[in-house]
């Protein structure tokens, strides 16, 4: 593991092969650093910025490539910038091995945590924006997300929306979501959520975030009862 403020050569090589333009090593070092190390700078502030960079870059692509309505554009945007999608991209790129994280957090599953992978992916986009401006950050997002963008990811209705509409269309009460269990350390938490529709039934799912567990529970409910 590299010393504080010093970007490991293998990390720099990976960043540059992936398409990031590295200048200020301390910035990129922070972008790869998890808070469990207790260092002065970690990825959290950059993740905040990168989340917005990602959203605008994907929105720009969707607007230029489609004549879809605002509702349809929003539906796809939400899927393409989700924590799940960010983590998927991170795994495809091999990001996990370059995250700077404590031994304990790593042993607890932090390197494969959907939340951590998604956050670090966004922090790197924040660093790309700071160093190289929005145009290059946008171009990189659209390259790294190319498969997801071209595949039509997000064109299907979000499972929670589909369930909400199904309940209304069948004159049922709105679905109710309840967290029934939370386990694991904060950086690798697992949430179990139950969704139920009165006088119909229920379904339960576990995931690395409350929102993802709700989404999966809704999907399973629709498969079972829809």
Protein backbone atom coordinates (compact mmCIF):
# COMPACT_ATOMS: atom_id res chain seq x y z
CA UNK A 1 0.00 0.00 0.00
CA UNK A 2 1.40 3.42 -0.91
CA UNK A 3 2.27 6.05 1.68
CA UNK A 4 -0.08 8.95 2.38
CA UNK A 5 -0.14 11.36 -0.55
CA UNK A 6 1.93 9.14 -2.85
CA UNK A 7 0.13 7.45 -5.73
CA UNK A 8 1.29 3.87 -6.19
CA UNK A 9 2.90 3.29 -9.64
CA UNK A 10 0.54 0.38 -10.39
CA UNK A 11 -2.45 2.56 -9.52
CA UNK A 12 -1.23 5.35 -11.79
CA UNK A 13 -0.65 2.87 -14.60
CA UNK A 14 -4.17 1.49 -14.20
CA UNK A 15 -5.70 4.96 -14.13
CA UNK A 16 -3.94 6.00 -17.32
CA UNK A 17 -4.76 2.75 -19.13
CA UNK A 18 -8.40 3.23 -18.16
CA UNK A 19 -8.45 6.71 -19.66
CA UNK A 20 -7.95 9.05 -16.71
CA UNK A 21 -5.45 11.87 -17.24
CA UNK A 22 -3.34 12.02 -14.08
CA UNK A 23 -1.50 15.20 -13.07
CA UNK A 24 -1.74 16.00 -9.37
CA UNK A 25 -0.95 12.64 -7.78
CA UNK A 26 -2.20 13.72 -4.35
CA UNK A 27 -5.65 14.32 -5.84
CA UNK A 28 -5.87 10.84 -7.36
CA UNK A 29 -4.38 9.30 -4.23
CA UNK A 30 -7.26 10.81 -2.25
CA UNK A 31 -9.77 9.62 -4.84
CA UNK A 32 -8.70 6.02 -4.18
CA UNK A 33 -8.54 6.33 -0.38
CA UNK A 34 -11.23 4.92 1.89
CA UNK A 35 -12.03 6.62 5.19
CA UNK A 36 -11.10 3.49 7.17
CA UNK A 37 -7.42 4.47 6.81
CA UNK A 38 -8.05 7.60 8.87
CA UNK A 39 -6.07 9.85 6.54
CA UNK A 40 -6.67 13.58 6.20
CA UNK A 41 -8.09 13.25 2.69
CA UNK A 42 -10.22 10.45 1.31
CA UNK A 43 -12.66 10.00 -1.56
CA UNK A 44 -15.82 11.41 0.01
CA UNK A 45 -15.66 15.02 -1.24
CA UNK A 46 -14.57 13.90 -4.71
CA UNK A 47 -17.42 11.37 -4.78
CA UNK A 48 -19.89 14.20 -4.13
CA UNK A 49 -18.52 16.08 -7.13
CA UNK A 50 -18.17 13.04 -9.38
CA UNK A 51 -21.80 12.08 -8.81
CA UNK A 52 -22.84 15.37 -10.43
CA UNK A 53 -20.32 15.02 -13.25
CA UNK A 54 -21.64 11.55 -14.03
CA UNK A 55 -25.25 12.72 -14.00
CA UNK A 56 -24.63 15.59 -16.40
CA UNK A 57 -22.46 13.49 -18.73
CA UNK A 58 -25.09 10.78 -19.02
CA UNK A 59 -27.94 13.31 -19.32
CA UNK A 60 -26.04 15.03 -22.15
CA UNK A 61 -25.70 11.71 -24.02
CA UNK A 62 -29.35 10.77 -23.52
CA UNK A 63 -30.60 14.17 -24.67
CA UNK A 64 -28.50 14.10 -27.83
CA UNK A 65 -29.26 10.48 -28.74
CA UNK A 66 -32.99 10.32 -28.08
CA UNK A 67 -36.22 12.17 -28.72
CA UNK A 68 -37.81 10.46 -25.70
CA UNK A 69 -40.00 12.33 -23.23
CA UNK A 70 -38.64 13.81 -20.01
CA UNK A 71 -40.11 10.90 -18.05
CA UNK A 72 -38.38 8.30 -20.21
CA UNK A 73 -35.10 10.20 -20.11
CA UNK A 74 -35.26 10.40 -16.32
CA UNK A 75 -36.03 6.70 -16.10
CA UNK A 76 -32.91 5.79 -18.08
CA UNK A 77 -30.76 8.37 -16.30
CA UNK A 78 -31.64 6.99 -12.89
CA UNK A 79 -30.67 3.47 -13.96
CA UNK A 80 -27.43 4.52 -15.65
CA UNK A 81 -26.09 6.59 -12.73
CA UNK A 82 -27.27 4.24 -9.97
CA UNK A 83 -24.91 2.89 -7.34
CA UNK A 84 -25.45 -0.56 -8.83
CA UNK A 85 -24.35 0.59 -12.29
CA UNK A 86 -21.31 2.46 -10.93
CA UNK A 87 -20.23 -0.67 -9.05
CA UNK A 88 -20.73 -2.79 -12.17
CA UNK A 89 -18.52 -0.48 -14.21
CA UNK A 90 -15.91 -0.47 -11.42
CA UNK A 91 -15.80 -4.27 -11.36
CA UNK A 92 -15.46 -4.45 -15.14
CA UNK A 93 -12.50 -2.06 -15.00
CA UNK A 94 -10.73 -3.88 -12.15
CA UNK A 95 -10.94 -0.93 -9.76
CA UNK A 96 -11.15 -2.97 -6.54
CA UNK A 97 -7.46 -3.87 -6.26
CA UNK A 98 -6.44 -0.19 -6.43
CA UNK A 99 -8.69 1.05 -3.60
CA UNK A 100 -6.67 2.10 -0.54
CA UNK A 101 -8.56 0.58 2.37
CA UNK A 102 -7.68 -0.74 5.82
CA UNK A 103 -6.99 -4.44 6.30
CA UNK A 104 -10.00 -4.78 8.57
CA UNK A 105 -12.38 -3.06 6.16
CA UNK A 106 -11.02 -5.18 3.33
CA UNK A 107 -11.43 -8.37 5.38
CA UNK A 108 -15.04 -7.33 6.04
CA UNK A 109 -15.71 -7.29 2.29
CA UNK A 110 -15.07 -3.62 1.63
CA UNK A 111 -13.30 -4.14 -1.69
CA UNK A 112 -16.37 -5.80 -3.16
CA UNK A 113 -18.90 -3.53 -1.44
CA UNK A 114 -21.30 -2.05 -3.96
CA UNK A 115 -21.37 1.19 -1.99
CA UNK A 116 -17.57 1.55 -1.85
CA UNK A 117 -16.98 0.55 -5.47
CA UNK A 118 -19.69 2.95 -6.64
CA UNK A 119 -18.38 5.79 -4.49
CA UNK A 120 -14.77 5.39 -5.63
CA UNK A 121 -15.86 5.21 -9.26
CA UNK A 122 -17.60 8.55 -8.81
CA UNK A 123 -14.65 10.04 -6.91
CA UNK A 124 -12.38 9.27 -9.86
CA UNK A 125 -14.79 11.09 -12.17
CA UNK A 126 -14.63 14.03 -9.77
CA UNK A 127 -10.84 14.02 -9.97
CA UNK A 128 -10.98 13.82 -13.77
CA UNK A 129 -13.25 16.88 -13.83
CA UNK A 130 -11.00 18.90 -11.48
CA UNK A 131 -7.85 18.17 -13.43
CA UNK A 132 -9.11 18.09 -17.00
CA UNK A 133 -12.45 19.92 -17.19
CA UNK A 134 -15.95 18.78 -18.00
CA UNK A 135 -15.47 17.99 -21.70
CA UNK A 136 -12.82 15.34 -21.06
CA UNK A 137 -14.71 14.01 -18.02
CA UNK A 138 -17.89 13.73 -20.11
CA UNK A 139 -16.06 11.96 -22.93
CA UNK A 140 -14.56 9.47 -20.50
CA UNK A 141 -17.92 8.73 -18.87
CA UNK A 142 -19.50 8.14 -22.24
CA UNK A 143 -16.65 5.78 -23.15
CA UNK A 144 -16.66 3.82 -19.88
CA UNK A 145 -20.48 3.61 -19.88
CA UNK A 146 -20.65 2.85 -23.62
CA UNK A 147 -21.92 -0.72 -23.30
CA UNK A 148 -24.63 0.29 -20.82
CA UNK A 149 -25.63 3.30 -22.91
CA UNK A 150 -25.82 1.34 -26.15
CA UNK A 151 -27.57 -1.64 -24.55
CA UNK A 152 -30.62 0.40 -23.63
CA UNK A 153 -30.11 -0.10 -19.89
CA UNK A 154 -32.87 1.58 -17.94
CA UNK A 155 -35.47 1.48 -20.70
CA UNK A 156 -37.61 -0.87 -18.68
CA UNK A 157 -39.58 0.65 -15.86
CA UNK A 158 -37.94 0.63 -12.43
CA UNK A 159 -39.33 -2.32 -10.39
CA UNK A 160 -40.65 -0.03 -7.64
CA UNK A 161 -42.50 2.10 -10.19
CA UNK A 162 -43.85 -1.01 -11.90
CA UNK A 163 -45.12 -2.38 -8.58
CA UNK A 164 -46.67 0.97 -7.62
CA UNK A 165 -48.55 1.11 -10.92
CA UNK A 166 -49.57 -2.56 -10.67
CA UNK A 167 -51.05 -1.99 -7.20
CA UNK A 168 -52.96 1.09 -8.35
CA UNK A 169 -54.20 -0.65 -11.50
CA UNK A 170 -55.49 -3.57 -9.45
CA UNK A 171 -57.16 -1.31 -6.89
CA UNK A 172 -54.80 -2.37 -4.12
CA UNK A 173 -53.23 -0.32 -1.38
CA UNK A 174 -49.78 1.13 -2.15
CA UNK A 175 -46.88 -1.27 -1.47
CA UNK A 176 -45.22 -0.96 1.95
CA UNK A 177 -41.45 -1.34 2.38
CA UNK A 178 -39.86 -2.35 5.67
CA UNK A 179 -36.20 -2.91 6.61
CA UNK A 180 -36.30 -6.22 8.46
CA UNK A 181 -32.56 -6.65 9.04
CA UNK A 182 -29.30 -4.73 8.80
CA UNK A 183 -26.00 -6.55 9.24
CA UNK A 184 -22.28 -6.04 8.71
CA UNK A 185 -20.02 -3.01 9.33
CA UNK A 186 -21.01 0.40 8.00
CA UNK A 187 -18.67 0.20 5.00
CA UNK A 188 -20.06 -3.20 3.93
CA UNK A 189 -23.60 -3.17 5.33
CA UNK A 190 -26.28 -5.55 4.12
CA UNK A 191 -29.94 -4.53 4.20
CA UNK A 192 -32.91 -6.90 4.08
CA UNK A 193 -36.16 -5.29 2.95
CA UNK A 194 -39.67 -6.74 2.86
CA UNK A 195 -42.29 -5.33 0.52
CA UNK A 196 -45.93 -6.18 1.02
CA UNK A 197 -49.26 -5.35 -0.59
CA UNK A 198 -52.30 -5.75 1.63
CA UNK A 199 -54.26 -8.94 0.94
CA UNK A 200 -51.88 -9.92 -1.87
CA UNK A 201 -48.57 -11.06 -0.39
CA UNK A 202 -44.97 -10.08 0.28
CA UNK A 203 -41.42 -10.57 -0.96
CA UNK A 204 -38.03 -10.05 0.65
CA UNK A 205 -34.53 -9.29 -0.65
CA UNK A 206 -31.07 -8.45 0.67
CA UNK A 207 -28.54 -6.07 -0.90
CA UNK A 208 -25.70 -3.70 -0.08
CA UNK A 209 -27.96 -0.65 0.10
CA UNK A 210 -31.53 -0.01 1.25
CA UNK A 211 -32.57 1.28 -2.17
CA UNK A 212 -31.15 -1.73 -3.99
CA UNK A 213 -32.83 -4.12 -1.54
CA UNK A 214 -36.14 -2.31 -2.15
CA UNK A 215 -35.66 -2.56 -5.90
CA UNK A 216 -34.91 -6.29 -5.75
CA UNK A 217 -37.80 -6.97 -3.37
CA UNK A 218 -40.17 -5.16 -5.75
CA UNK A 219 -38.82 -7.16 -8.69
CA UNK A 220 -39.33 -10.43 -6.85
CA UNK A 221 -42.85 -9.39 -5.82
CA UNK A 222 -43.77 -8.69 -9.43
CA UNK A 223 -42.34 -12.03 -10.55
CA UNK A 224 -44.39 -13.81 -7.90
CA UNK A 225 -47.69 -11.93 -8.03
CA UNK A 226 -47.64 -9.66 -11.09
